[in-house]
Amino acid sequence: MYKKNVTVIFDRLGAVKKTGRGKVEIRVYLDRNVRKYIVVGETTKTGWLSYQNSKELQLQVEKYDEIVRAMKTLGEDMTIENFNAYLEDEQAKKESKKPLQRNFIEFMREEVRREKLRDGTLRHKKLVIETLECYGKIRTLADLTPANIRAFDRWLHDTGERTEVTIWNYHKRIKKYTRILKLNEIIDNDPYEYCKISRGHSKPRTPLTEQELLKMRKVKLIDKLDRVRDLFIFAAYTGMAYADVQRFNFKEMTHKIGRLYYIDSERLKTGTEFYTPILKPAMDVLKKYDYKLPRITNQKANDYLHVIEVQCGFKKSLTFHLARHSFATLALAHDVPIEDISRMLGHSDIKTTQIYCKILKTTVQRHSEALASRIL
């Protein structure tokens, strides 16, 4: 049976089911039971098709295929060691020809233009590029050194009020493109291989309690404050993220089973499916606006939420994303299984849901009393 010398494979280890993302690898078939796997990236199931059709990946496949054919023609032993030796020779030939003065920021822009990105991801990547431009000390490929990456990290910490997680995400997005440069042998070394950037820890989440949600629903507000409060309440009783609330279409995204309507769709940010009920407070919001929710930017919504926070007398910072946290905690408090909450929120990995869902003391107490009554 004929086997291709070089093929691209996705999620060989089955990570997509657990994390939503799998590794993209080039498999080089050298001989029976002799295969070399080269990791070239990581993507989602929906992003896999565009990834495998990328020009850079195809060029790499062609290069490895040429090496295998050359080894066969010259009668070389088809071993991984010999294949690696050919790779090292190729590297040596290119050593003096690398365009280190090429503009790294422009390279990132070109790559982003080629990627098929969702709106939210595109905004994040553009922000990273703009931040790198503002920093001004990493412009060419020659500037991609561990020392410069560490200096950039210090600058990110010293300017603005970025959290550790936000800064780590900046590095994560830049690292993708330094890895591409390394894989395509445009630069010798990926600077991130030589400096460790700490992810840090997220700030503790403080979702609204059921009583606080009720207070927010009853507070008297006018105009934009009223509309933003209603959007927050809709999210808090469906578990939907801001981007999904803004694109919500009642006719296209819901169906009725029994007395409840359910939203059956996929998340704009990740493409993962979610299935969640529209609880009564959220349905009341829909009826108020004739099933067409108001539109507002996330930044403006958060600005108004801080005003609402003061009017409600809350001692916790209100953001739109807090509505999603509140839904998860509310569902957990009413004994909804965490597996169901994960499906409602559209999480590909239940570990993410566990972060959202703090185990409430009241839930522990109730379950403990039930357990105690059964043990004599």
Protein backbone atom coordinates (compact mmCIF):
# COMPACT_ATOMS: atom_id res chain seq x y z
CA MET A 1 0.00 0.00 0.00
CA TYR A 2 1.39 3.40 -1.01
CA LYS A 3 1.95 5.90 1.77
CA LYS A 4 2.57 9.61 1.30
CA ASN A 5 6.00 10.68 2.46
CA VAL A 6 4.68 13.72 4.31
CA THR A 7 1.18 14.47 5.60
CA VAL A 8 -0.39 17.05 7.89
CA ILE A 9 -2.46 15.66 10.75
CA PHE A 10 -4.63 17.27 13.41
CA ASP A 11 -5.34 16.31 17.01
CA ARG A 12 -3.48 12.99 16.95
CA LEU A 13 -3.66 12.79 20.75
CA GLY A 14 -7.38 13.65 21.00
CA ALA A 15 -6.96 16.90 22.94
CA VAL A 16 -9.89 18.68 21.24
CA LYS A 17 -12.48 16.79 23.31
CA LYS A 18 -10.81 17.97 26.52
CA THR A 19 -9.58 21.48 25.75
CA GLY A 20 -11.21 22.52 22.46
CA ARG A 21 -7.79 22.81 20.80
CA GLY A 22 -5.53 20.24 19.17
CA LYS A 23 -1.99 20.17 17.85
CA VAL A 24 -1.21 20.43 14.13
CA GLU A 25 1.64 18.12 13.21
CA ILE A 26 3.60 17.20 10.10
CA ARG A 27 4.11 13.45 9.94
CA VAL A 28 7.14 12.32 7.94
CA TYR A 29 6.89 8.67 6.88
CA LEU A 30 10.43 7.31 6.47
CA ASP A 31 10.02 3.56 6.65
CA ARG A 32 7.85 0.90 8.25
CA ASN A 33 7.52 1.87 11.92
CA VAL A 34 9.78 4.90 11.35
CA ARG A 35 7.89 8.17 11.51
CA LYS A 36 8.84 11.63 12.65
CA TYR A 37 6.19 13.97 14.07
CA ILE A 38 6.87 17.70 13.95
CA VAL A 39 4.50 19.98 15.88
CA VAL A 40 3.84 23.15 13.86
CA GLY A 41 0.98 24.77 15.75
CA GLU A 42 -2.29 24.48 17.60
CA THR A 43 -5.85 25.33 16.55
CA THR A 44 -9.55 24.59 17.10
CA LYS A 45 -11.62 22.09 15.18
CA THR A 46 -13.28 24.90 13.21
CA GLY A 47 -9.96 26.61 12.47
CA TRP A 48 -8.28 23.42 11.24
CA LEU A 49 -9.40 23.70 7.61
CA SER A 50 -7.91 27.15 7.02
CA TYR A 51 -4.78 26.13 8.96
CA GLN A 52 -4.02 23.13 6.76
CA ASN A 53 -4.46 25.22 3.61
CA SER A 54 -2.02 27.92 4.69
CA LYS A 55 0.79 28.67 2.25
CA GLU A 56 3.49 28.46 4.92
CA LEU A 57 2.41 24.98 5.98
CA GLN A 58 2.29 23.69 2.40
CA LEU A 59 5.79 25.02 1.74
CA GLN A 60 7.06 23.19 4.80
CA VAL A 61 5.40 19.94 3.66
CA GLU A 62 7.01 20.29 0.22
CA LYS A 63 10.44 20.87 1.77
CA TYR A 64 10.22 17.75 3.96
CA ASP A 65 8.91 15.72 1.01
CA GLU A 66 11.92 16.78 -1.07
CA ILE A 67 14.27 15.62 1.70
CA VAL A 68 12.61 12.18 1.89
CA ARG A 69 12.75 11.76 -1.90
CA ALA A 70 16.42 12.80 -1.93
CA MET A 71 17.23 10.26 0.80
CA LYS A 72 15.54 7.49 -1.20
CA THR A 73 17.27 8.49 -4.45
CA LEU A 74 20.70 8.47 -2.78
CA GLY A 75 20.05 5.16 -1.05
CA GLU A 76 20.34 6.66 2.43
CA ASP A 77 19.18 4.73 5.49
CA MET A 78 15.64 5.96 6.16
CA THR A 79 16.23 6.90 9.77
CA ILE A 80 15.16 9.90 11.82
CA GLU A 81 18.85 10.68 12.47
CA ASN A 82 19.59 10.98 8.74
CA PHE A 83 16.46 13.06 8.17
CA ASN A 84 17.53 15.43 10.97
CA ALA A 85 20.99 15.69 9.42
CA TYR A 86 19.42 16.91 6.17
CA LEU A 87 17.44 19.50 8.13
CA GLU A 88 20.62 20.75 9.78
CA ASP A 89 22.29 21.09 6.37
CA GLU A 90 19.35 23.15 5.12
CA GLN A 91 19.63 25.34 8.20
CA ALA A 92 23.34 25.91 7.61
CA LYS A 93 22.75 26.96 4.00
CA LYS A 94 20.28 29.63 5.08
CA GLU A 95 22.33 30.88 7.99
CA SER A 96 23.79 33.88 6.20
CA LYS A 97 20.69 34.77 4.20
CA LYS A 98 18.07 35.50 6.85
CA PRO A 99 16.32 38.85 6.42
CA LEU A 100 16.75 40.03 10.00
CA GLN A 101 15.87 43.61 9.07
CA ARG A 102 12.36 42.58 8.01
CA ASN A 103 9.65 44.44 9.94
CA PHE A 104 8.16 42.12 12.56
CA ILE A 105 5.04 44.23 13.12
CA GLU A 106 4.26 44.20 9.39
CA PHE A 107 4.84 40.44 9.37
CA MET A 108 2.23 40.09 12.14
CA ARG A 109 -0.23 42.27 10.21
CA GLU A 110 0.21 40.15 7.08
CA GLU A 111 -0.38 36.94 9.02
CA VAL A 112 -3.48 38.35 10.73
CA ARG A 113 -4.91 39.42 7.35
CA ARG A 114 -4.51 35.86 6.07
CA GLU A 115 -6.22 34.29 9.07
CA LYS A 116 -9.98 33.84 9.16
CA LEU A 117 -10.64 35.34 12.58
CA ARG A 118 -13.78 36.06 14.51
CA ASP A 119 -14.40 39.75 15.25
CA GLY A 120 -13.45 39.50 18.92
CA THR A 121 -10.18 37.65 18.22
CA LEU A 122 -9.32 40.13 15.45
CA ARG A 123 -9.81 43.08 17.83
CA HIS A 124 -7.53 41.47 20.42
CA LYS A 125 -4.76 40.82 17.89
CA LYS A 126 -4.94 44.35 16.51
CA LEU A 127 -4.65 45.69 20.06
CA VAL A 128 -1.51 43.60 20.62
CA ILE A 129 0.04 44.94 17.40
CA GLU A 130 -0.82 48.52 18.35
CA THR A 131 0.69 47.99 21.82
CA LEU A 132 3.88 46.58 20.31
CA GLU A 133 4.07 49.62 18.01
CA CYS A 134 3.59 51.93 20.99
CA TYR A 135 6.45 50.20 22.82
CA GLY A 136 8.66 50.91 19.80
CA LYS A 137 11.68 48.78 20.67
CA ILE A 138 10.69 45.56 18.89
CA ARG A 139 10.37 46.40 15.21
CA THR A 140 12.62 44.15 13.14
CA LEU A 141 13.26 40.42 13.33
CA ALA A 142 16.69 41.23 14.74
CA ASP A 143 14.91 42.80 17.74
CA LEU A 144 13.36 39.43 18.67
CA THR A 145 15.72 38.58 21.50
CA PRO A 146 14.97 37.20 24.99
CA ALA A 147 16.31 40.42 26.54
CA ASN A 148 13.95 42.57 24.46
CA ILE A 149 10.97 40.32 25.27
CA ARG A 150 11.71 40.65 28.98
CA ALA A 151 12.05 44.43 28.62
CA PHE A 152 8.69 44.54 26.81
CA ASP A 153 7.15 42.51 29.63
CA ARG A 154 8.46 45.02 32.22
CA TRP A 155 7.07 47.90 30.14
CA LEU A 156 3.63 46.23 30.01
CA HIS A 157 3.66 45.93 33.80
CA ASP A 158 4.83 49.50 34.36
CA THR A 159 2.35 51.23 32.00
CA GLY A 160 -1.40 51.18 32.48
CA GLU A 161 -3.35 48.85 34.76
CA ARG A 162 -3.07 45.58 32.88
CA THR A 163 -3.54 42.40 34.89
CA GLU A 164 -1.02 39.56 34.89
CA VAL A 165 -3.41 37.45 32.80
CA THR A 166 -3.91 40.25 30.25
CA ILE A 167 -0.14 40.66 29.85
CA TRP A 168 0.30 36.91 29.50
CA ASN A 169 -2.29 36.93 26.70
CA TYR A 170 -0.30 39.66 24.89
CA HIS A 171 2.77 37.41 24.98
CA LYS A 172 0.75 34.37 23.93
CA ARG A 173 -0.44 36.13 20.77
CA ILE A 174 3.04 37.43 19.89
CA LYS A 175 4.57 34.02 20.56
CA LYS A 176 2.40 32.46 17.86
CA TYR A 177 4.17 34.54 15.22
CA THR A 178 7.69 34.09 16.59
CA ARG A 179 7.00 30.35 16.43
CA ILE A 180 5.94 30.63 12.77
CA LEU A 181 9.15 32.49 12.00
CA LYS A 182 11.22 29.80 13.72
CA LEU A 183 9.37 26.92 12.03
CA ASN A 184 9.93 28.50 8.63
CA GLU A 185 13.61 29.05 9.48
CA ILE A 186 13.35 32.80 9.02
CA ILE A 187 14.84 33.34 12.48
CA ASP A 188 17.28 31.04 14.26
CA ASN A 189 15.68 31.02 17.68
CA ASP A 190 12.26 31.74 19.13
CA PRO A 191 12.99 34.24 21.96
CA TYR A 192 10.16 32.80 24.04
CA GLU A 193 12.06 29.51 24.28
CA TYR A 194 14.66 31.32 26.38
CA CYS A 195 12.51 33.47 28.68
CA LYS A 196 9.60 32.37 30.84
CA ILE A 197 6.64 34.72 31.13
CA SER A 198 4.46 34.15 34.17
CA ARG A 199 0.73 33.78 33.56
CA GLY A 200 -0.07 35.10 37.02
CA HIS A 201 -3.48 34.71 38.59
CA SER A 202 -6.88 36.11 37.73
CA LYS A 203 -8.59 38.40 40.20
CA PRO A 204 -11.09 36.55 42.39
CA ARG A 205 -14.52 36.52 40.77
CA THR A 206 -17.34 37.98 42.84
CA PRO A 207 -20.61 37.17 41.06
CA LEU A 208 -23.92 38.67 42.14
CA THR A 209 -26.00 36.63 44.51
CA GLU A 210 -29.64 35.83 43.78
CA GLN A 211 -30.68 38.59 46.20
CA GLU A 212 -28.39 41.12 44.50
CA LEU A 213 -29.75 40.18 41.08
CA LEU A 214 -33.29 40.73 42.40
CA LYS A 215 -32.25 44.13 43.79
CA MET A 216 -30.76 45.09 40.43
CA ARG A 217 -33.94 44.04 38.63
CA LYS A 218 -36.10 46.24 40.90
CA VAL A 219 -33.97 49.41 41.02
CA LYS A 220 -35.53 52.37 39.14
CA LEU A 221 -33.37 53.47 36.19
CA ILE A 222 -33.95 55.55 33.07
CA ASP A 223 -32.77 55.70 29.46
CA LYS A 224 -29.41 54.01 28.76
CA LEU A 225 -28.94 52.88 32.34
CA ASP A 226 -32.25 51.04 32.13
CA ARG A 227 -31.32 49.39 28.82
CA VAL A 228 -27.87 48.31 30.02
CA ARG A 229 -29.37 46.89 33.24
CA ASP A 230 -31.83 44.89 31.11
CA LEU A 231 -29.03 43.50 28.92
CA PHE A 232 -27.12 42.48 32.05
CA ILE A 233 -30.21 40.76 33.49
CA PHE A 234 -30.79 38.93 30.19
CA ALA A 235 -27.18 37.64 30.31
CA ALA A 236 -27.42 36.77 34.02
CA TYR A 237 -30.46 34.54 33.40
CA THR A 238 -29.18 32.87 30.22
CA GLY A 239 -25.41 32.70 30.85
CA MET A 240 -24.63 34.33 27.51
CA ALA A 241 -21.47 36.36 26.92
CA TYR A 242 -21.63 39.99 25.75
CA ALA A 243 -20.79 39.23 22.09
CA ASP A 244 -23.48 36.54 21.90
CA VAL A 245 -26.09 38.78 23.53
CA GLN A 246 -25.37 41.47 20.94
CA ARG A 247 -25.95 39.10 18.03
CA PHE A 248 -28.92 37.34 19.62
CA ASN A 249 -31.81 36.64 17.22
CA PHE A 250 -34.92 35.24 18.89
CA LYS A 251 -36.46 33.72 15.75
CA GLU A 252 -33.30 32.04 14.50
CA MET A 253 -31.66 30.95 17.75
CA THR A 254 -34.50 29.65 19.98
CA HIS A 255 -37.08 26.91 20.17
CA LYS A 256 -39.75 26.07 22.75
CA ILE A 257 -39.98 22.83 24.72
CA GLY A 258 -42.78 22.64 27.26
CA ARG A 259 -43.12 26.04 28.91
CA LEU A 260 -39.53 27.16 28.32
CA TYR A 261 -37.69 28.64 25.39
CA TYR A 262 -34.11 27.43 24.81
CA ILE A 263 -31.25 29.13 22.99
CA ASP A 264 -29.43 26.66 20.75
CA SER A 265 -26.40 28.25 19.09
CA GLU A 266 -22.61 28.50 19.14
CA ARG A 267 -20.37 31.04 20.85
CA LEU A 268 -19.00 33.81 18.69
CA LYS A 269 -15.67 33.79 20.55
CA THR A 270 -14.85 30.07 20.42
CA GLY A 271 -17.31 28.47 18.02
CA THR A 272 -18.36 25.93 20.69
CA GLU A 273 -22.04 25.03 20.90
CA PHE A 274 -24.20 26.05 23.85
CA TYR A 275 -27.75 25.18 24.85
CA THR A 276 -29.35 27.24 27.59
CA PRO A 277 -32.84 28.11 28.86
CA ILE A 278 -34.33 31.60 28.82
CA LEU A 279 -35.39 31.97 32.44
CA LYS A 280 -38.34 34.21 33.34
CA PRO A 281 -36.37 37.41 34.14
CA ALA A 282 -34.59 37.11 30.77
CA MET A 283 -37.87 36.45 28.96
CA ASP A 284 -39.37 39.54 30.62
CA VAL A 285 -36.52 41.58 29.15
CA LEU A 286 -37.19 40.15 25.66
CA LYS A 287 -40.89 40.98 25.90
CA LYS A 288 -40.07 44.52 27.01
CA TYR A 289 -38.09 45.12 23.79
CA ASP A 290 -40.38 43.14 21.49
CA TYR A 291 -37.78 40.35 21.31
CA LYS A 292 -35.08 42.66 19.85
CA LEU A 293 -32.41 43.49 22.40
CA PRO A 294 -30.77 46.96 22.54
CA ARG A 295 -27.31 47.39 20.99
CA ILE A 296 -24.35 48.97 22.77
CA THR A 297 -20.57 48.53 22.83
CA ASN A 298 -19.03 46.45 25.59
CA GLN A 299 -16.97 49.43 26.81
CA LYS A 300 -20.01 51.71 27.08
CA ALA A 301 -22.04 48.97 28.76
CA ASN A 302 -19.34 48.54 31.40
CA ASP A 303 -19.19 52.32 31.94
CA TYR A 304 -22.94 52.43 32.64
CA LEU A 305 -22.72 49.31 34.83
CA HIS A 306 -20.33 51.13 37.16
CA VAL A 307 -22.99 53.83 37.59
CA ILE A 308 -25.64 51.16 38.25
CA GLU A 309 -23.27 49.53 40.75
CA VAL A 310 -23.27 52.77 42.78
CA GLN A 311 -27.03 53.20 42.57
CA CYS A 312 -27.57 49.63 43.78
CA GLY A 313 -25.06 50.08 46.60
CA PHE A 314 -23.00 47.07 45.54
CA LYS A 315 -19.51 46.72 46.98
CA LYS A 316 -18.27 44.77 43.96
CA SER A 317 -17.24 45.97 40.51
CA LEU A 318 -19.97 45.39 37.93
CA THR A 319 -18.88 44.36 34.43
CA PHE A 320 -20.92 42.71 31.73
CA HIS A 321 -18.93 39.48 32.06
CA LEU A 322 -20.00 39.29 35.72
CA ALA A 323 -23.49 38.40 34.48
CA ARG A 324 -22.12 35.15 33.04
CA HIS A 325 -20.39 34.34 36.32
CA SER A 326 -23.60 35.10 38.21
CA PHE A 327 -25.60 32.69 36.02
CA ALA A 328 -23.12 29.88 36.67
CA THR A 329 -23.22 30.44 40.45
CA LEU A 330 -27.03 30.77 40.43
CA ALA A 331 -27.42 27.48 38.57
CA LEU A 332 -24.99 25.75 40.92
CA ALA A 333 -26.84 27.09 43.97
CA HIS A 334 -30.03 25.45 42.64
CA ASP A 335 -28.28 22.09 42.22
CA VAL A 336 -27.95 22.11 38.44
CA PRO A 337 -25.22 19.52 37.63
CA ILE A 338 -21.95 21.10 36.61
CA GLU A 339 -21.98 19.10 33.35
CA ASP A 340 -25.26 20.82 32.40
CA ILE A 341 -23.90 24.24 33.39
CA SER A 342 -20.89 23.58 31.16
CA ARG A 343 -23.22 22.89 28.20
CA MET A 344 -25.29 25.99 28.96
CA LEU A 345 -22.20 28.20 28.99
CA GLY A 346 -20.68 26.59 25.89
CA HIS A 347 -17.47 25.38 27.54
CA SER A 348 -15.41 22.77 25.70
CA ASP A 349 -13.63 21.82 28.93
CA ILE A 350 -15.45 21.34 32.22
CA LYS A 351 -12.39 22.71 34.07
CA THR A 352 -13.35 26.15 32.75
CA THR A 353 -16.81 25.76 34.26
CA GLN A 354 -15.28 24.80 37.59
CA ILE A 355 -13.46 28.15 37.63
CA TYR A 356 -16.75 30.00 37.10
CA CYS A 357 -18.71 27.97 39.61
CA LYS A 358 -17.60 28.65 43.14
CA ILE A 359 -18.94 26.07 45.55
CA LEU A 360 -21.30 28.07 47.74
CA LYS A 361 -21.41 27.53 51.51
CA THR A 362 -25.21 27.25 51.37
CA THR A 363 -24.95 24.44 48.81
CA VAL A 364 -22.43 22.56 50.94
CA GLN A 365 -24.62 23.01 54.03
CA ARG A 366 -27.76 21.79 52.26
CA HIS A 367 -26.04 18.74 50.82
CA SER A 368 -24.38 18.03 54.17
CA GLU A 369 -27.74 18.03 55.96
CA ALA A 370 -29.17 15.65 53.35
CA LEU A 371 -26.14 13.37 53.74
CA ALA A 372 -26.37 13.47 57.55
CA SER A 373 -30.04 12.45 57.46
CA ARG A 374 -29.14 9.28 55.52
CA ILE A 375 -26.27 8.22 57.79
CA LEU A 376 -27.37 6.79 61.13
